[in-house]
Amino acid sequence: LYSSIPYLVPRAAVLLQDIGQAFFDS
């Protein structure tokens, strides 16, 4: 990351986790 830092609000972090897991499943 050059223009951002690796933090999200918990709600967005859960969304990202679910996207990654659903992508694996698919």
mmCIF file of all heavy atoms, coordinates in Angstrom:
data_MODEL
# 
_entry.id   MODEL 
# 
loop_
_atom_site.group_PDB 
_atom_site.id 
_atom_site.type_symbol 
_atom_site.label_atom_id 
_atom_site.label_alt_id 
_atom_site.label_comp_id 
_atom_site.label_asym_id 
_atom_site.label_entity_id 
_atom_site.label_seq_id 
_atom_site.pdbx_PDB_ins_code 
_atom_site.Cartn_x 
_atom_site.Cartn_y 
_atom_site.Cartn_z 
_atom_site.occupancy 
_atom_site.B_iso_or_equiv 
_atom_site.pdbx_formal_charge 
_atom_site.auth_seq_id 
_atom_site.auth_comp_id 
_atom_site.auth_asym_id 
_atom_site.auth_atom_id 
_atom_site.pdbx_PDB_model_num 
ATOM 1   N N   . LEU A 1 1  ? 0.833   -1.203  0.000  1.00 0.00 ? 1  LEU A N   1 
ATOM 2   C CA  . LEU A 1 1  ? 0.000   0.000   0.000  1.00 0.00 ? 1  LEU A CA  1 
ATOM 3   C C   . LEU A 1 1  ? 0.870   1.257   0.000  1.00 0.00 ? 1  LEU A C   1 
ATOM 4   O O   . LEU A 1 1  ? 1.699   1.438   0.881  1.00 0.00 ? 1  LEU A O   1 
ATOM 5   C CB  . LEU A 1 1  ? -0.925  -0.004  1.226  1.00 0.00 ? 1  LEU A CB  1 
ATOM 6   C CG  . LEU A 1 1  ? -1.860  -1.220  1.345  1.00 0.00 ? 1  LEU A CG  1 
ATOM 7   C CD1 . LEU A 1 1  ? -2.633  -1.154  2.657  1.00 0.00 ? 1  LEU A CD1 1 
ATOM 8   C CD2 . LEU A 1 1  ? -2.805  -1.308  0.159  1.00 0.00 ? 1  LEU A CD2 1 
ATOM 9   N N   . TYR A 1 2  ? 0.630   2.113   -0.985 1.00 0.00 ? 2  TYR A N   1 
ATOM 10  C CA  . TYR A 1 2  ? 1.368   3.371   -1.083 1.00 0.00 ? 2  TYR A CA  1 
ATOM 11  C C   . TYR A 1 2  ? 0.504   4.567   -0.666 1.00 0.00 ? 2  TYR A C   1 
ATOM 12  O O   . TYR A 1 2  ? 1.029   5.576   -0.210 1.00 0.00 ? 2  TYR A O   1 
ATOM 13  C CB  . TYR A 1 2  ? 1.860   3.589   -2.513 1.00 0.00 ? 2  TYR A CB  1 
ATOM 14  C CG  . TYR A 1 2  ? 2.870   2.559   -2.969 1.00 0.00 ? 2  TYR A CG  1 
ATOM 15  C CD1 . TYR A 1 2  ? 2.476   1.458   -3.722 1.00 0.00 ? 2  TYR A CD1 1 
ATOM 16  C CD2 . TYR A 1 2  ? 4.213   2.678   -2.630 1.00 0.00 ? 2  TYR A CD2 1 
ATOM 17  C CE1 . TYR A 1 2  ? 3.403   0.520   -4.140 1.00 0.00 ? 2  TYR A CE1 1 
ATOM 18  C CE2 . TYR A 1 2  ? 5.152   1.734   -3.040 1.00 0.00 ? 2  TYR A CE2 1 
ATOM 19  C CZ  . TYR A 1 2  ? 4.734   0.652   -3.798 1.00 0.00 ? 2  TYR A CZ  1 
ATOM 20  O OH  . TYR A 1 2  ? 5.655   -0.288  -4.196 1.00 0.00 ? 2  TYR A OH  1 
ATOM 21  N N   . SER A 1 3  ? -0.807  4.444   -0.849 1.00 0.00 ? 3  SER A N   1 
ATOM 22  C CA  . SER A 1 3  ? -1.689  5.585   -0.578 1.00 0.00 ? 3  SER A CA  1 
ATOM 23  C C   . SER A 1 3  ? -2.823  5.234   0.371  1.00 0.00 ? 3  SER A C   1 
ATOM 24  O O   . SER A 1 3  ? -3.871  5.882   0.379  1.00 0.00 ? 3  SER A O   1 
ATOM 25  C CB  . SER A 1 3  ? -2.267  6.128   -1.895 1.00 0.00 ? 3  SER A CB  1 
ATOM 26  O OG  . SER A 1 3  ? -1.240  6.524   -2.767 1.00 0.00 ? 3  SER A OG  1 
ATOM 27  N N   . SER A 1 4  ? -2.652  4.195   1.148  1.00 0.00 ? 4  SER A N   1 
ATOM 28  C CA  . SER A 1 4  ? -3.649  3.830   2.158  1.00 0.00 ? 4  SER A CA  1 
ATOM 29  C C   . SER A 1 4  ? -2.978  2.986   3.225  1.00 0.00 ? 4  SER A C   1 
ATOM 30  O O   . SER A 1 4  ? -1.816  2.591   3.084  1.00 0.00 ? 4  SER A O   1 
ATOM 31  C CB  . SER A 1 4  ? -4.825  3.074   1.526  1.00 0.00 ? 4  SER A CB  1 
ATOM 32  O OG  . SER A 1 4  ? -4.409  1.850   0.984  1.00 0.00 ? 4  SER A OG  1 
ATOM 33  N N   . ILE A 1 5  ? -3.681  2.718   4.299  1.00 0.00 ? 5  ILE A N   1 
ATOM 34  C CA  . ILE A 1 5  ? -3.149  1.929   5.410  1.00 0.00 ? 5  ILE A CA  1 
ATOM 35  C C   . ILE A 1 5  ? -4.112  0.781   5.708  1.00 0.00 ? 5  ILE A C   1 
ATOM 36  O O   . ILE A 1 5  ? -5.322  0.915   5.517  1.00 0.00 ? 5  ILE A O   1 
ATOM 37  C CB  . ILE A 1 5  ? -2.927  2.804   6.674  1.00 0.00 ? 5  ILE A CB  1 
ATOM 38  C CG1 . ILE A 1 5  ? -4.144  3.693   6.935  1.00 0.00 ? 5  ILE A CG1 1 
ATOM 39  C CG2 . ILE A 1 5  ? -1.685  3.649   6.512  1.00 0.00 ? 5  ILE A CG2 1 
ATOM 40  C CD1 . ILE A 1 5  ? -3.972  4.634   8.109  1.00 0.00 ? 5  ILE A CD1 1 
ATOM 41  N N   . PRO A 1 6  ? -3.596  -0.364  6.159  1.00 0.00 ? 6  PRO A N   1 
ATOM 42  C CA  . PRO A 1 6  ? -4.407  -1.592  6.250  1.00 0.00 ? 6  PRO A CA  1 
ATOM 43  C C   . PRO A 1 6  ? -5.366  -1.642  7.438  1.00 0.00 ? 6  PRO A C   1 
ATOM 44  O O   . PRO A 1 6  ? -5.254  -2.498  8.321  1.00 0.00 ? 6  PRO A O   1 
ATOM 45  C CB  . PRO A 1 6  ? -3.350  -2.691  6.347  1.00 0.00 ? 6  PRO A CB  1 
ATOM 46  C CG  . PRO A 1 6  ? -2.211  -2.037  7.042  1.00 0.00 ? 6  PRO A CG  1 
ATOM 47  C CD  . PRO A 1 6  ? -2.189  -0.622  6.536  1.00 0.00 ? 6  PRO A CD  1 
ATOM 48  N N   . TYR A 1 7  ? -6.330  -0.744  7.442  1.00 0.00 ? 7  TYR A N   1 
ATOM 49  C CA  . TYR A 1 7  ? -7.356  -0.734  8.490  1.00 0.00 ? 7  TYR A CA  1 
ATOM 50  C C   . TYR A 1 7  ? -8.731  -0.530  7.864  1.00 0.00 ? 7  TYR A C   1 
ATOM 51  O O   . TYR A 1 7  ? -8.862  0.157   6.847  1.00 0.00 ? 7  TYR A O   1 
ATOM 52  C CB  . TYR A 1 7  ? -7.095  0.380   9.507  1.00 0.00 ? 7  TYR A CB  1 
ATOM 53  C CG  . TYR A 1 7  ? -5.871  0.170   10.359 1.00 0.00 ? 7  TYR A CG  1 
ATOM 54  C CD1 . TYR A 1 7  ? -4.676  0.841   10.073 1.00 0.00 ? 7  TYR A CD1 1 
ATOM 55  C CD2 . TYR A 1 7  ? -5.895  -0.695  11.450 1.00 0.00 ? 7  TYR A CD2 1 
ATOM 56  C CE1 . TYR A 1 7  ? -3.544  0.655   10.840 1.00 0.00 ? 7  TYR A CE1 1 
ATOM 57  C CE2 . TYR A 1 7  ? -4.765  -0.892  12.232 1.00 0.00 ? 7  TYR A CE2 1 
ATOM 58  C CZ  . TYR A 1 7  ? -3.591  -0.223  11.927 1.00 0.00 ? 7  TYR A CZ  1 
ATOM 59  O OH  . TYR A 1 7  ? -2.473  -0.418  12.693 1.00 0.00 ? 7  TYR A OH  1 
ATOM 60  N N   . LEU A 1 8  ? -9.737  -1.143  8.497  1.00 0.00 ? 8  LEU A N   1 
ATOM 61  C CA  . LEU A 1 8  ? -11.133 -0.962  8.098  1.00 0.00 ? 8  LEU A CA  1 
ATOM 62  C C   . LEU A 1 8  ? -11.997 -0.955  9.344  1.00 0.00 ? 8  LEU A C   1 
ATOM 63  O O   . LEU A 1 8  ? -11.593 -1.456  10.403 1.00 0.00 ? 8  LEU A O   1 
ATOM 64  C CB  . LEU A 1 8  ? -11.592 -2.111  7.184  1.00 0.00 ? 8  LEU A CB  1 
ATOM 65  C CG  . LEU A 1 8  ? -11.021 -2.184  5.758  1.00 0.00 ? 8  LEU A CG  1 
ATOM 66  C CD1 . LEU A 1 8  ? -11.407 -3.518  5.121  1.00 0.00 ? 8  LEU A CD1 1 
ATOM 67  C CD2 . LEU A 1 8  ? -11.507 -1.018  4.912  1.00 0.00 ? 8  LEU A CD2 1 
ATOM 68  N N   . VAL A 1 9  ? -13.203 -0.410  9.218  1.00 0.00 ? 9  VAL A N   1 
ATOM 69  C CA  . VAL A 1 9  ? -14.154 -0.554  10.317 1.00 0.00 ? 9  VAL A CA  1 
ATOM 70  C C   . VAL A 1 9  ? -14.544 -2.031  10.379 1.00 0.00 ? 9  VAL A C   1 
ATOM 71  O O   . VAL A 1 9  ? -14.471 -2.743  9.365  1.00 0.00 ? 9  VAL A O   1 
ATOM 72  C CB  . VAL A 1 9  ? -15.408 0.332   10.092 1.00 0.00 ? 9  VAL A CB  1 
ATOM 73  C CG1 . VAL A 1 9  ? -15.034 1.805   10.127 1.00 0.00 ? 9  VAL A CG1 1 
ATOM 74  C CG2 . VAL A 1 9  ? -16.132 -0.021  8.806  1.00 0.00 ? 9  VAL A CG2 1 
ATOM 75  N N   . PRO A 1 10 ? -14.928 -2.548  11.540 1.00 0.00 ? 10 PRO A N   1 
ATOM 76  C CA  . PRO A 1 10 ? -15.238 -3.981  11.670 1.00 0.00 ? 10 PRO A CA  1 
ATOM 77  C C   . PRO A 1 10 ? -16.246 -4.484  10.638 1.00 0.00 ? 10 PRO A C   1 
ATOM 78  O O   . PRO A 1 10 ? -16.092 -5.590  10.108 1.00 0.00 ? 10 PRO A O   1 
ATOM 79  C CB  . PRO A 1 10 ? -15.789 -4.087  13.094 1.00 0.00 ? 10 PRO A CB  1 
ATOM 80  C CG  . PRO A 1 10 ? -15.117 -2.968  13.832 1.00 0.00 ? 10 PRO A CG  1 
ATOM 81  C CD  . PRO A 1 10 ? -15.004 -1.844  12.849 1.00 0.00 ? 10 PRO A CD  1 
ATOM 82  N N   . ARG A 1 11 ? -17.260 -3.683  10.337 1.00 0.00 ? 11 ARG A N   1 
ATOM 83  C CA  . ARG A 1 11 ? -18.294 -4.096  9.384  1.00 0.00 ? 11 ARG A CA  1 
ATOM 84  C C   . ARG A 1 11 ? -17.691 -4.355  7.999  1.00 0.00 ? 11 ARG A C   1 
ATOM 85  O O   . ARG A 1 11 ? -18.047 -5.328  7.323  1.00 0.00 ? 11 ARG A O   1 
ATOM 86  C CB  . ARG A 1 11 ? -19.365 -3.006  9.304  1.00 0.00 ? 11 ARG A CB  1 
ATOM 87  C CG  . ARG A 1 11 ? -20.623 -3.385  8.531  1.00 0.00 ? 11 ARG A CG  1 
ATOM 88  C CD  . ARG A 1 11 ? -21.594 -2.198  8.502  1.00 0.00 ? 11 ARG A CD  1 
ATOM 89  N NE  . ARG A 1 11 ? -22.869 -2.558  7.920  1.00 0.00 ? 11 ARG A NE  1 
ATOM 90  C CZ  . ARG A 1 11 ? -23.897 -3.035  8.603  1.00 0.00 ? 11 ARG A CZ  1 
ATOM 91  N NH1 . ARG A 1 11 ? -23.787 -3.215  9.918  1.00 0.00 ? 11 ARG A NH1 1 
ATOM 92  N NH2 . ARG A 1 11 ? -25.044 -3.337  8.002  1.00 0.00 ? 11 ARG A NH2 1 
ATOM 93  N N   . ALA A 1 12 ? -16.777 -3.492  7.577  1.00 0.00 ? 12 ALA A N   1 
ATOM 94  C CA  . ALA A 1 12 ? -16.132 -3.663  6.273  1.00 0.00 ? 12 ALA A CA  1 
ATOM 95  C C   . ALA A 1 12 ? -15.137 -4.815  6.297  1.00 0.00 ? 12 ALA A C   1 
ATOM 96  O O   . ALA A 1 12 ? -14.966 -5.529  5.299  1.00 0.00 ? 12 ALA A O   1 
ATOM 97  C CB  . ALA A 1 12 ? -15.437 -2.368  5.869  1.00 0.00 ? 12 ALA A CB  1 
ATOM 98  N N   . ALA A 1 13 ? -14.460 -5.022  7.434  1.00 0.00 ? 13 ALA A N   1 
ATOM 99  C CA  . ALA A 1 13 ? -13.519 -6.132  7.559  1.00 0.00 ? 13 ALA A CA  1 
ATOM 100 C C   . ALA A 1 13 ? -14.239 -7.475  7.434  1.00 0.00 ? 13 ALA A C   1 
ATOM 101 O O   . ALA A 1 13 ? -13.730 -8.414  6.808  1.00 0.00 ? 13 ALA A O   1 
ATOM 102 C CB  . ALA A 1 13 ? -12.781 -6.047  8.891  1.00 0.00 ? 13 ALA A CB  1 
ATOM 103 N N   . VAL A 1 14 ? -15.424 -7.573  8.003  1.00 0.00 ? 14 VAL A N   1 
ATOM 104 C CA  . VAL A 1 14 ? -16.217 -8.806  7.895  1.00 0.00 ? 14 VAL A CA  1 
ATOM 105 C C   . VAL A 1 14 ? -16.644 -9.023  6.443  1.00 0.00 ? 14 VAL A C   1 
ATOM 106 O O   . VAL A 1 14 ? -16.607 -10.152 5.927  1.00 0.00 ? 14 VAL A O   1 
ATOM 107 C CB  . VAL A 1 14 ? -17.450 -8.740  8.820  1.00 0.00 ? 14 VAL A CB  1 
ATOM 108 C CG1 . VAL A 1 14 ? -18.392 -9.904  8.543  1.00 0.00 ? 14 VAL A CG1 1 
ATOM 109 C CG2 . VAL A 1 14 ? -17.023 -8.747  10.279 1.00 0.00 ? 14 VAL A CG2 1 
ATOM 110 N N   . LEU A 1 15 ? -17.045 -7.951  5.771  1.00 0.00 ? 15 LEU A N   1 
ATOM 111 C CA  . LEU A 1 15 ? -17.418 -8.049  4.356  1.00 0.00 ? 15 LEU A CA  1 
ATOM 112 C C   . LEU A 1 15 ? -16.256 -8.588  3.533  1.00 0.00 ? 15 LEU A C   1 
ATOM 113 O O   . LEU A 1 15 ? -16.430 -9.504  2.717  1.00 0.00 ? 15 LEU A O   1 
ATOM 114 C CB  . LEU A 1 15 ? -17.838 -6.678  3.829  1.00 0.00 ? 15 LEU A CB  1 
ATOM 115 C CG  . LEU A 1 15 ? -18.046 -6.584  2.312  1.00 0.00 ? 15 LEU A CG  1 
ATOM 116 C CD1 . LEU A 1 15 ? -19.250 -7.402  1.879  1.00 0.00 ? 15 LEU A CD1 1 
ATOM 117 C CD2 . LEU A 1 15 ? -18.209 -5.122  1.874  1.00 0.00 ? 15 LEU A CD2 1 
ATOM 118 N N   . LEU A 1 16 ? -15.072 -8.037  3.722  1.00 0.00 ? 16 LEU A N   1 
ATOM 119 C CA  . LEU A 1 16 ? -13.896 -8.478  2.975  1.00 0.00 ? 16 LEU A CA  1 
ATOM 120 C C   . LEU A 1 16 ? -13.585 -9.943  3.259  1.00 0.00 ? 16 LEU A C   1 
ATOM 121 O O   . LEU A 1 16 ? -13.272 -10.713 2.339  1.00 0.00 ? 16 LEU A O   1 
ATOM 122 C CB  . LEU A 1 16 ? -12.701 -7.600  3.334  1.00 0.00 ? 16 LEU A CB  1 
ATOM 123 C CG  . LEU A 1 16 ? -11.370 -7.933  2.649  1.00 0.00 ? 16 LEU A CG  1 
ATOM 124 C CD1 . LEU A 1 16 ? -11.513 -7.934  1.135  1.00 0.00 ? 16 LEU A CD1 1 
ATOM 125 C CD2 . LEU A 1 16 ? -10.289 -6.958  3.106  1.00 0.00 ? 16 LEU A CD2 1 
ATOM 126 N N   . GLN A 1 17 ? -13.684 -10.345 4.503  1.00 0.00 ? 17 GLN A N   1 
ATOM 127 C CA  . GLN A 1 17 ? -13.466 -11.747 4.881  1.00 0.00 ? 17 GLN A CA  1 
ATOM 128 C C   . GLN A 1 17 ? -14.466 -12.655 4.169  1.00 0.00 ? 17 GLN A C   1 
ATOM 129 O O   . GLN A 1 17 ? -14.103 -13.706 3.625  1.00 0.00 ? 17 GLN A O   1 
ATOM 130 C CB  . GLN A 1 17 ? -13.606 -11.904 6.393  1.00 0.00 ? 17 GLN A CB  1 
ATOM 131 C CG  . GLN A 1 17 ? -13.617 -13.336 6.905  1.00 0.00 ? 17 GLN A CG  1 
ATOM 132 C CD  . GLN A 1 17 ? -12.240 -13.919 7.074  1.00 0.00 ? 17 GLN A CD  1 
ATOM 133 O OE1 . GLN A 1 17 ? -11.245 -13.208 6.988  1.00 0.00 ? 17 GLN A OE1 1 
ATOM 134 N NE2 . GLN A 1 17 ? -12.177 -15.217 7.304  1.00 0.00 ? 17 GLN A NE2 1 
ATOM 135 N N   . ASP A 1 18 ? -15.724 -12.261 4.155  1.00 0.00 ? 18 ASP A N   1 
ATOM 136 C CA  . ASP A 1 18 ? -16.768 -13.072 3.522  1.00 0.00 ? 18 ASP A CA  1 
ATOM 137 C C   . ASP A 1 18 ? -16.574 -13.160 2.011  1.00 0.00 ? 18 ASP A C   1 
ATOM 138 O O   . ASP A 1 18 ? -16.844 -14.199 1.399  1.00 0.00 ? 18 ASP A O   1 
ATOM 139 C CB  . ASP A 1 18 ? -18.145 -12.494 3.843  1.00 0.00 ? 18 ASP A CB  1 
ATOM 140 C CG  . ASP A 1 18 ? -18.522 -12.670 5.309  1.00 0.00 ? 18 ASP A CG  1 
ATOM 141 O OD1 . ASP A 1 18 ? -17.833 -13.441 6.011  1.00 0.00 ? 18 ASP A OD1 1 
ATOM 142 O OD2 . ASP A 1 18 ? -19.491 -12.025 5.758  1.00 0.00 ? 18 ASP A OD2 1 
ATOM 143 N N   . ILE A 1 19 ? -16.128 -12.067 1.396  1.00 0.00 ? 19 ILE A N   1 
ATOM 144 C CA  . ILE A 1 19 ? -15.861 -12.088 -0.042 1.00 0.00 ? 19 ILE A CA  1 
ATOM 145 C C   . ILE A 1 19 ? -14.753 -13.089 -0.353 1.00 0.00 ? 19 ILE A C   1 
ATOM 146 O O   . ILE A 1 19 ? -14.872 -13.911 -1.265 1.00 0.00 ? 19 ILE A O   1 
ATOM 147 C CB  . ILE A 1 19 ? -15.475 -10.679 -0.542 1.00 0.00 ? 19 ILE A CB  1 
ATOM 148 C CG1 . ILE A 1 19 ? -16.705 -9.761  -0.538 1.00 0.00 ? 19 ILE A CG1 1 
ATOM 149 C CG2 . ILE A 1 19 ? -14.874 -10.746 -1.953 1.00 0.00 ? 19 ILE A CG2 1 
ATOM 150 C CD1 . ILE A 1 19 ? -16.390 -8.305  -0.832 1.00 0.00 ? 19 ILE A CD1 1 
ATOM 151 N N   . GLY A 1 20 ? -13.661 -13.017 0.408  1.00 0.00 ? 20 GLY A N   1 
ATOM 152 C CA  . GLY A 1 20 ? -12.547 -13.931 0.179  1.00 0.00 ? 20 GLY A CA  1 
ATOM 153 C C   . GLY A 1 20 ? -12.942 -15.385 0.364  1.00 0.00 ? 20 GLY A C   1 
ATOM 154 O O   . GLY A 1 20 ? -12.570 -16.257 -0.429 1.00 0.00 ? 20 GLY A O   1 
ATOM 155 N N   . GLN A 1 21 ? -13.724 -15.654 1.398  1.00 0.00 ? 21 GLN A N   1 
ATOM 156 C CA  . GLN A 1 21 ? -14.138 -17.034 1.672  1.00 0.00 ? 21 GLN A CA  1 
ATOM 157 C C   . GLN A 1 21 ? -15.101 -17.541 0.595  1.00 0.00 ? 21 GLN A C   1 
ATOM 158 O O   . GLN A 1 21 ? -14.988 -18.686 0.137  1.00 0.00 ? 21 GLN A O   1 
ATOM 159 C CB  . GLN A 1 21 ? -14.787 -17.117 3.052  1.00 0.00 ? 21 GLN A CB  1 
ATOM 160 C CG  . GLN A 1 21 ? -15.008 -18.536 3.535  1.00 0.00 ? 21 GLN A CG  1 
ATOM 161 C CD  . GLN A 1 21 ? -15.333 -18.597 5.021  1.00 0.00 ? 21 GLN A CD  1 
ATOM 162 O OE1 . GLN A 1 21 ? -15.333 -17.581 5.714  1.00 0.00 ? 21 GLN A OE1 1 
ATOM 163 N NE2 . GLN A 1 21 ? -15.602 -19.783 5.507  1.00 0.00 ? 21 GLN A NE2 1 
ATOM 164 N N   . ALA A 1 22 ? -16.044 -16.680 0.174  1.00 0.00 ? 22 ALA A N   1 
ATOM 165 C CA  . ALA A 1 22 ? -16.993 -17.072 -0.874 1.00 0.00 ? 22 ALA A CA  1 
ATOM 166 C C   . ALA A 1 22 ? -16.267 -17.299 -2.205 1.00 0.00 ? 22 ALA A C   1 
ATOM 167 O O   . ALA A 1 22 ? -16.638 -18.184 -2.980 1.00 0.00 ? 22 ALA A O   1 
ATOM 168 C CB  . ALA A 1 22 ? -18.062 -15.999 -1.032 1.00 0.00 ? 22 ALA A CB  1 
ATOM 169 N N   . PHE A 1 23 ? -15.226 -16.523 -2.457 1.00 0.00 ? 23 PHE A N   1 
ATOM 170 C CA  . PHE A 1 23 ? -14.436 -16.697 -3.673 1.00 0.00 ? 23 PHE A CA  1 
ATOM 171 C C   . PHE A 1 23 ? -13.734 -18.055 -3.649 1.00 0.00 ? 23 PHE A C   1 
ATOM 172 O O   . PHE A 1 23 ? -13.735 -18.778 -4.653 1.00 0.00 ? 23 PHE A O   1 
ATOM 173 C CB  . PHE A 1 23 ? -13.413 -15.562 -3.770 1.00 0.00 ? 23 PHE A CB  1 
ATOM 174 C CG  . PHE A 1 23 ? -12.588 -15.568 -5.030 1.00 0.00 ? 23 PHE A CG  1 
ATOM 175 C CD1 . PHE A 1 23 ? -13.185 -15.443 -6.268 1.00 0.00 ? 23 PHE A CD1 1 
ATOM 176 C CD2 . PHE A 1 23 ? -11.209 -15.693 -4.966 1.00 0.00 ? 23 PHE A CD2 1 
ATOM 177 C CE1 . PHE A 1 23 ? -12.424 -15.444 -7.438 1.00 0.00 ? 23 PHE A CE1 1 
ATOM 178 C CE2 . PHE A 1 23 ? -10.441 -15.689 -6.125 1.00 0.00 ? 23 PHE A CE2 1 
ATOM 179 C CZ  . PHE A 1 23 ? -11.051 -15.568 -7.363 1.00 0.00 ? 23 PHE A CZ  1 
ATOM 180 N N   . PHE A 1 24 ? -13.169 -18.431 -2.520 1.00 0.00 ? 24 PHE A N   1 
ATOM 181 C CA  . PHE A 1 24 ? -12.548 -19.749 -2.373 1.00 0.00 ? 24 PHE A CA  1 
ATOM 182 C C   . PHE A 1 24 ? -13.575 -20.851 -2.641 1.00 0.00 ? 24 PHE A C   1 
ATOM 183 O O   . PHE A 1 24 ? -13.309 -21.807 -3.366 1.00 0.00 ? 24 PHE A O   1 
ATOM 184 C CB  . PHE A 1 24 ? -11.986 -19.910 -0.960 1.00 0.00 ? 24 PHE A CB  1 
ATOM 185 C CG  . PHE A 1 24 ? -10.527 -19.596 -0.842 1.00 0.00 ? 24 PHE A CG  1 
ATOM 186 C CD1 . PHE A 1 24 ? -9.939  -18.605 -1.616 1.00 0.00 ? 24 PHE A CD1 1 
ATOM 187 C CD2 . PHE A 1 24 ? -9.725  -20.272 0.063  1.00 0.00 ? 24 PHE A CD2 1 
ATOM 188 C CE1 . PHE A 1 24 ? -8.594  -18.308 -1.504 1.00 0.00 ? 24 PHE A CE1 1 
ATOM 189 C CE2 . PHE A 1 24 ? -8.366  -19.978 0.180  1.00 0.00 ? 24 PHE A CE2 1 
ATOM 190 C CZ  . PHE A 1 24 ? -7.797  -19.000 -0.602 1.00 0.00 ? 24 PHE A CZ  1 
ATOM 191 N N   . ASP A 1 25 ? -14.738 -20.733 -2.017 1.00 0.00 ? 25 ASP A N   1 
ATOM 192 C CA  . ASP A 1 25 ? -15.782 -21.747 -2.177 1.00 0.00 ? 25 ASP A CA  1 
ATOM 193 C C   . ASP A 1 25 ? -16.202 -21.879 -3.643 1.00 0.00 ? 25 ASP A C   1 
ATOM 194 O O   . ASP A 1 25 ? -16.398 -22.987 -4.150 1.00 0.00 ? 25 ASP A O   1 
ATOM 195 C CB  . ASP A 1 25 ? -17.005 -21.399 -1.324 1.00 0.00 ? 25 ASP A CB  1 
ATOM 196 C CG  . ASP A 1 25 ? -16.723 -21.505 0.166  1.00 0.00 ? 25 ASP A CG  1 
ATOM 197 O OD1 . ASP A 1 25 ? -15.713 -22.133 0.530  1.00 0.00 ? 25 ASP A OD1 1 
ATOM 198 O OD2 . ASP A 1 25 ? -17.505 -20.945 0.961  1.00 0.00 ? 25 ASP A OD2 1 
ATOM 199 N N   . SER A 1 26 ? -16.339 -20.738 -4.306 1.00 0.00 ? 26 SER A N   1 
ATOM 200 C CA  . SER A 1 26 ? -16.767 -20.747 -5.702 1.00 0.00 ? 26 SER A CA  1 
ATOM 201 C C   . SER A 1 26 ? -15.712 -21.375 -6.605 1.00 0.00 ? 26 SER A C   1 
ATOM 202 O O   . SER A 1 26 ? -16.034 -22.145 -7.518 1.00 0.00 ? 26 SER A O   1 
ATOM 203 C CB  . SER A 1 26 ? -17.074 -19.313 -6.165 1.00 0.00 ? 26 SER A CB  1 
ATOM 204 O OG  . SER A 1 26 ? -17.684 -19.315 -7.440 1.00 0.00 ? 26 SER A OG  1 
# 
